Structure formats: C-alpha cells, structure tokens
C-alpha atoms as a PDB file:
ATOM      1  CA  MET A   1     -19.070   1.161 -17.749  1.00  0.00           C
ATOM      2  CA  LYS A   2     -16.324  -1.312 -16.837  1.00  0.00           C
ATOM      3  CA  TYR A   3     -12.966  -0.185 -15.515  1.00  0.00           C
ATOM      4  CA  TYR A   4      -9.690  -1.947 -16.062  1.00  0.00           C
ATOM      5  CA  THR A   5      -8.351  -2.973 -12.665  1.00  0.00           C
ATOM      6  CA  GLY A   6      -4.996  -4.302 -13.777  1.00  0.00           C
ATOM      7  CA  THR A   7      -1.755  -2.437 -14.168  1.00  0.00           C
ATOM      8  CA  ILE A   8      -0.645  -0.363 -17.122  1.00  0.00           C
ATOM      9  CA  ALA A   9       3.061  -0.080 -17.926  1.00  0.00           C
ATOM     10  CA  ALA A  10       4.721   3.169 -18.983  1.00  0.00           C
ATOM     11  CA  ASP A  11       4.319   2.119 -22.635  1.00  0.00           C
ATOM     12  CA  GLY A  12       0.544   1.992 -22.144  1.00  0.00           C
ATOM     13  CA  LYS A  13       0.258  -1.788 -22.409  1.00  0.00           C
ATOM     14  CA  PRO A  14      -1.337  -3.935 -19.709  1.00  0.00           C
ATOM     15  CA  THR A  15       1.085  -5.875 -17.570  1.00  0.00           C
ATOM     16  CA  THR A  16       0.587  -9.179 -15.860  1.00  0.00           C
ATOM     17  CA  PRO A  17      -0.039  -8.636 -12.150  1.00  0.00           C
ATOM     18  CA  SER A  18       2.846  -9.800 -10.016  1.00  0.00           C
ATOM     19  CA  SER A  19       2.241 -12.178  -7.175  1.00  0.00           C
ATOM     20  CA  GLY A  20       3.364  -9.507  -4.742  1.00  0.00           C
ATOM     21  CA  GLY A  21       1.818 -11.012  -1.683  1.00  0.00           C
ATOM     22  CA  SER A  22       2.380 -14.631  -2.546  1.00  0.00           C
ATOM     23  CA  GLY A  23       5.507 -14.905  -0.473  1.00  0.00           C
ATOM     24  CA  SER A  24       7.422 -14.501  -3.695  1.00  0.00           C
ATOM     25  CA  LYS A  25      10.472 -12.335  -4.098  1.00  0.00           C
ATOM     26  CA  SER A  26       8.363  -9.339  -5.128  1.00  0.00           C
ATOM     27  CA  GLY A  27       6.279  -9.510  -1.921  1.00  0.00           C
ATOM     28  CA  VAL A  28       9.411  -9.459   0.193  1.00  0.00           C
ATOM     29  CA  LYS A  29      11.041  -6.837  -2.029  1.00  0.00           C
ATOM     30  CA  VAL A  30       8.146  -4.388  -1.723  1.00  0.00           C
ATOM     31  CA  ILE A  31       8.450  -4.629   2.069  1.00  0.00           C
ATOM     32  CA  GLU A  32      12.225  -4.179   1.899  1.00  0.00           C
ATOM     33  CA  ALA A  33      11.781  -1.122  -0.341  1.00  0.00           C
ATOM     34  CA  GLY A  34       9.206   0.382   2.010  1.00  0.00           C
ATOM     35  CA  GLU A  35      11.323  -0.270   5.092  1.00  0.00           C
ATOM     36  CA  THR A  36      14.068   1.956   3.670  1.00  0.00           C
ATOM     37  CA  LEU A  37      11.817   4.934   4.491  1.00  0.00           C
ATOM     38  CA  ILE A  38      11.197   4.066   8.154  1.00  0.00           C
ATOM     39  CA  GLY A  39      12.136   7.088  10.244  1.00  0.00           C
ATOM     40  CA  LYS A  40      12.793   9.227   7.148  1.00  0.00           C
ATOM     41  CA  THR A  41       9.318  10.522   6.339  1.00  0.00           C
ATOM     42  CA  ARG A  42       6.403  12.413   7.710  1.00  0.00           C
ATOM     43  CA  TYR A  43       2.718  11.951   7.037  1.00  0.00           C
ATOM     44  CA  VAL A  44       1.041  14.704   5.033  1.00  0.00           C
ATOM     45  CA  PHE A  45      -2.542  14.149   3.864  1.00  0.00           C
ATOM     46  CA  GLY A  46      -2.363  14.308   0.053  1.00  0.00           C
ATOM     47  CA  GLY A  47       1.440  14.190   0.162  1.00  0.00           C
ATOM     48  CA  GLY A  48       3.627  12.062  -2.067  1.00  0.00           C
ATOM     49  CA  ARG A  49       1.944  13.061  -5.296  1.00  0.00           C
ATOM     50  CA  SER A  50       4.844  15.070  -6.690  1.00  0.00           C
ATOM     51  CA  GLN A  51       8.528  14.347  -6.992  1.00  0.00           C
ATOM     52  CA  SER A  52       9.297  17.254  -4.666  1.00  0.00           C
ATOM     53  CA  ASP A  53       7.085  15.698  -1.959  1.00  0.00           C
ATOM     54  CA  ILE A  54       8.799  12.345  -2.402  1.00  0.00           C
ATOM     55  CA  ASN A  55      12.251  13.944  -2.272  1.00  0.00           C
ATOM     56  CA  ALA A  56      11.247  15.717   0.959  1.00  0.00           C
ATOM     57  CA  GLY A  57       9.825  12.508   2.495  1.00  0.00           C
ATOM     58  CA  ARG A  58       6.215  13.736   2.553  1.00  0.00           C
ATOM     59  CA  PHE A  59       3.746  10.892   1.974  1.00  0.00           C
ATOM     60  CA  ASP A  60       0.253   9.858   2.857  1.00  0.00           C
ATOM     61  CA  CYS A  61      -0.718   6.204   3.169  1.00  0.00           C
ATOM     62  CA  SER A  62      -1.714   5.571  -0.442  1.00  0.00           C
ATOM     63  CA  SER A  63       1.187   7.470  -2.011  1.00  0.00           C
ATOM     64  CA  PHE A  64       3.591   5.479   0.168  1.00  0.00           C
ATOM     65  CA  VAL A  65       2.050   2.177  -1.001  1.00  0.00           C
ATOM     66  CA  ARG A  66       2.303   3.383  -4.595  1.00  0.00           C
ATOM     67  CA  TRP A  67       5.948   4.385  -4.088  1.00  0.00           C
ATOM     68  CA  ALA A  68       6.893   1.037  -2.508  1.00  0.00           C
ATOM     69  CA  PHE A  69       5.338  -0.997  -5.319  1.00  0.00           C
ATOM     70  CA  GLU A  70       6.917   1.267  -7.924  1.00  0.00           C
ATOM     71  CA  GLN A  71      10.338   0.426  -6.464  1.00  0.00           C
ATOM     72  CA  VAL A  72       9.827  -3.233  -7.429  1.00  0.00           C
ATOM     73  CA  GLY A  73       8.412  -2.484 -10.878  1.00  0.00           C
ATOM     74  CA  VAL A  74       4.688  -2.742 -10.078  1.00  0.00           C
ATOM     75  CA  ASN A  75       2.692   0.211 -11.383  1.00  0.00           C
ATOM     76  CA  VAL A  76      -0.512   0.751  -9.401  1.00  0.00           C
ATOM     77  CA  GLY A  77      -1.377   4.112 -10.927  1.00  0.00           C
ATOM     78  CA  PRO A  78      -0.103   7.573 -11.764  1.00  0.00           C
ATOM     79  CA  LEU A  79       1.935   9.559  -9.275  1.00  0.00           C
ATOM     80  CA  SER A  80      -0.707  12.234  -8.900  1.00  0.00           C
ATOM     81  CA  GLY A  81      -3.762   9.981  -8.837  1.00  0.00           C
ATOM     82  CA  VAL A  82      -3.372   7.052  -6.450  1.00  0.00           C
ATOM     83  CA  THR A  83      -5.721   7.010  -3.451  1.00  0.00           C
ATOM     84  CA  THR A  84      -7.140   4.335  -1.178  1.00  0.00           C
ATOM     85  CA  ASP A  85     -10.184   4.341  -3.465  1.00  0.00           C
ATOM     86  CA  THR A  86      -8.103   3.614  -6.577  1.00  0.00           C
ATOM     87  CA  LEU A  87      -6.012   0.961  -4.810  1.00  0.00           C
ATOM     88  CA  LYS A  88      -8.995  -0.963  -3.468  1.00  0.00           C
ATOM     89  CA  ILE A  89     -10.324  -1.733  -6.956  1.00  0.00           C
ATOM     90  CA  GLN A  90      -7.036  -3.180  -8.190  1.00  0.00           C
ATOM     91  CA  GLY A  91      -5.434  -6.561  -7.772  1.00  0.00           C
ATOM     92  CA  GLN A  92      -6.905  -9.816  -6.574  1.00  0.00           C
ATOM     93  CA  ALA A  93      -9.126  -9.957  -3.487  1.00  0.00           C
ATOM     94  CA  ILE A  94      -7.619 -12.208  -0.793  1.00  0.00           C
ATOM     95  CA  ASN A  95      -9.332 -13.724   2.225  1.00  0.00           C
ATOM     96  CA  PRO A  96      -7.743 -12.186   5.358  1.00  0.00           C
ATOM     97  CA  LYS A  97      -6.880 -15.656   6.664  1.00  0.00           C
ATOM     98  CA  ASP A  98      -4.742 -16.131   3.531  1.00  0.00           C
ATOM     99  CA  MET A  99      -2.772 -12.867   3.833  1.00  0.00           C
ATOM    100  CA  LYS A 100       0.901 -13.040   2.950  1.00  0.00           C
ATOM    101  CA  PRO A 101       3.699 -10.474   3.187  1.00  0.00           C
ATOM    102  CA  GLY A 102       3.325  -7.919   0.419  1.00  0.00           C
ATOM    103  CA  ASP A 103      -0.483  -7.976   0.359  1.00  0.00           C
ATOM    104  CA  VAL A 104      -2.223  -4.612   0.642  1.00  0.00           C
ATOM    105  CA  VAL A 105      -4.531  -4.143   3.653  1.00  0.00           C
ATOM    106  CA  PHE A 106      -7.265  -1.556   4.237  1.00  0.00           C
ATOM    107  CA  PHE A 107      -8.662   0.109   7.339  1.00  0.00           C
ATOM    108  CA  ASP A 108     -11.802   2.103   8.069  1.00  0.00           C
ATOM    109  CA  THR A 109     -10.465   5.298   9.625  1.00  0.00           C
ATOM    110  CA  TYR A 110     -11.967   8.669   8.701  1.00  0.00           C
ATOM    111  CA  LYS A 111     -13.990   6.846   6.013  1.00  0.00           C
ATOM    112  CA  LYS A 112     -14.466   3.296   4.699  1.00  0.00           C
ATOM    113  CA  ASP A 113     -11.088   2.206   3.326  1.00  0.00           C
ATOM    114  CA  GLY A 114      -9.581   5.454   4.611  1.00  0.00           C
ATOM    115  CA  HIS A 115      -6.147   3.953   5.328  1.00  0.00           C
ATOM    116  CA  VAL A 116      -3.954   1.441   3.497  1.00  0.00           C
ATOM    117  CA  GLY A 117      -0.688  -0.356   4.152  1.00  0.00           C
ATOM    118  CA  ILE A 118       1.408  -3.375   3.194  1.00  0.00           C
ATOM    119  CA  TYR A 119       1.097  -6.537   5.257  1.00  0.00           C
ATOM    120  CA  VAL A 120       4.460  -7.726   6.621  1.00  0.00           C
ATOM    121  CA  GLY A 121       3.320 -10.805   8.554  1.00  0.00           C
ATOM    122  CA  ASP A 122       2.754 -11.543  12.247  1.00  0.00           C
ATOM    123  CA  ASN A 123      -0.357  -9.325  12.278  1.00  0.00           C
ATOM    124  CA  LYS A 124       1.652  -6.206  11.379  1.00  0.00           C
ATOM    125  CA  PHE A 125       1.700  -3.862   8.418  1.00  0.00           C
ATOM    126  CA  LEU A 126       4.007  -1.243   6.955  1.00  0.00           C
ATOM    127  CA  GLY A 127       2.385   2.084   6.224  1.00  0.00           C
ATOM    128  CA  CYS A 128       2.645   5.826   6.485  1.00  0.00           C
ATOM    129  CA  GLN A 129       0.704   6.919   9.549  1.00  0.00           C
ATOM    130  CA  GLY A 130      -0.079  10.340  10.980  1.00  0.00           C
ATOM    131  CA  LYS A 131       2.066  10.261  14.096  1.00  0.00           C
ATOM    132  CA  THR A 132       4.956   8.124  12.855  1.00  0.00           C
ATOM    133  CA  GLY A 133       5.413   8.597   9.123  1.00  0.00           C
ATOM    134  CA  VAL A 134       6.485   5.309   7.535  1.00  0.00           C
ATOM    135  CA  ALA A 135       6.524   2.665  10.264  1.00  0.00           C
ATOM    136  CA  ILE A 136       5.420  -0.852  11.098  1.00  0.00           C
ATOM    137  CA  ALA A 137       2.153  -0.921  13.049  1.00  0.00           C
ATOM    138  CA  SER A 138       0.157  -3.637  14.758  1.00  0.00           C
ATOM    139  CA  MET A 139      -3.070  -5.101  13.430  1.00  0.00           C
ATOM    140  CA  GLU A 140      -3.780  -6.986  16.692  1.00  0.00           C
ATOM    141  CA  LYS A 141      -7.297  -6.627  18.064  1.00  0.00           C
ATOM    142  CA  GLY A 142      -7.358  -3.938  20.719  1.00  0.00           C
ATOM    143  CA  THR A 143      -4.932  -1.675  18.827  1.00  0.00           C
ATOM    144  CA  TYR A 144      -5.973   1.361  16.807  1.00  0.00           C
ATOM    145  CA  PHE A 145      -5.460  -0.288  13.420  1.00  0.00           C
ATOM    146  CA  GLY A 146      -6.431  -3.764  14.576  1.00  0.00           C
ATOM    147  CA  ASP A 147      -9.849  -2.464  15.533  1.00  0.00           C
ATOM    148  CA  ARG A 148     -10.180  -0.668  12.183  1.00  0.00           C
ATOM    149  CA  PHE A 149      -8.963  -3.415   9.834  1.00  0.00           C
ATOM    150  CA  ASN A 150     -11.977  -4.051   7.615  1.00  0.00           C
ATOM    151  CA  GLY A 151     -10.933  -7.367   6.075  1.00  0.00           C
ATOM    152  CA  ARG A 152     -10.181  -5.930   2.630  1.00  0.00           C
ATOM    153  CA  VAL A 153      -6.941  -7.471   1.360  1.00  0.00           C
ATOM    154  CA  LYS A 154      -5.609  -7.106  -2.176  1.00  0.00           C
ATOM    155  CA  ARG A 155      -2.716  -8.823  -3.918  1.00  0.00           C
ATOM    156  CA  PHE A 156      -0.981  -6.980  -6.756  1.00  0.00           C
END
C-alpha cells in the first residue's frame, strides 16, 4: 500500500507543497506565527487536538507544529490526527547541513522521532516542550535537544 505524503486542502484536493523552509516568506511566516504563542501555552501530551485545547493554550509538540503551519495556509493533517509519526512521512527530506528556517526537525526522546519542532536558524528550534510550553530551544551538542536531534529534517 502506498500513502500520499503531500498535503490535502479542505476541498479534498492535493495542494502543492510550499517551500516552507526554503528561506521563503512562508518559512519565516510559520516561525512568526509560532512565536506568537511563546509564554502563552503549556505542554500537555496529546493536547492541541481540539479547539478547546487550542483556545486554552494546551499543545504537545506535534499539535503545535500543525497549528503553526495552519496559520500560514499549510495543511499537514487533521486537527485530531497529527503526531510526530504522521509529520515525519510528509514533506521533502532535507540534509541537516541544508536546514533553513521553517524546516521541521525531529528528536529521539521517549521514542524514535518522539519530539518535533520548527528550525529557526542558529542551531535553535521553536517547539512546545514539557517544561516551557512554546519556546525556542537550543540544538547545540551538549544540550538536551542537541544530543537527541536525530538528523531527520523535513520541508513542507
């Protein structure tokens, strides 16, 4: 069985993937959208999959990534169904040395690809983490996420 790994619009038709991480306006815009939630959320495993969760600022990492991309018109899946596992099979695979702001980065935390965020540049990413909610975190070696970055990078 082959799965479609592109994006489906609300009308059910496939859409052309944006160049979100290409340094284009959409890559910057997804970061700007996500940054509006810094300090206004809390991490809840499985959170962000209902409008009431979103309204209350309850997200997990994958629902936050979904929300941020939705704000710039990129549909990466249904509200109730986006996970790190569904995000990792979408988009275009990018070599980590070619990462650009707006690319989606994965980390091996409680499982392989257990955490996801949006690369912002300078070895940092924007994500929803357990202790901070939505925040910018380091990917430098020797840091929690730097030591868990698994090299998986996707561009939507």
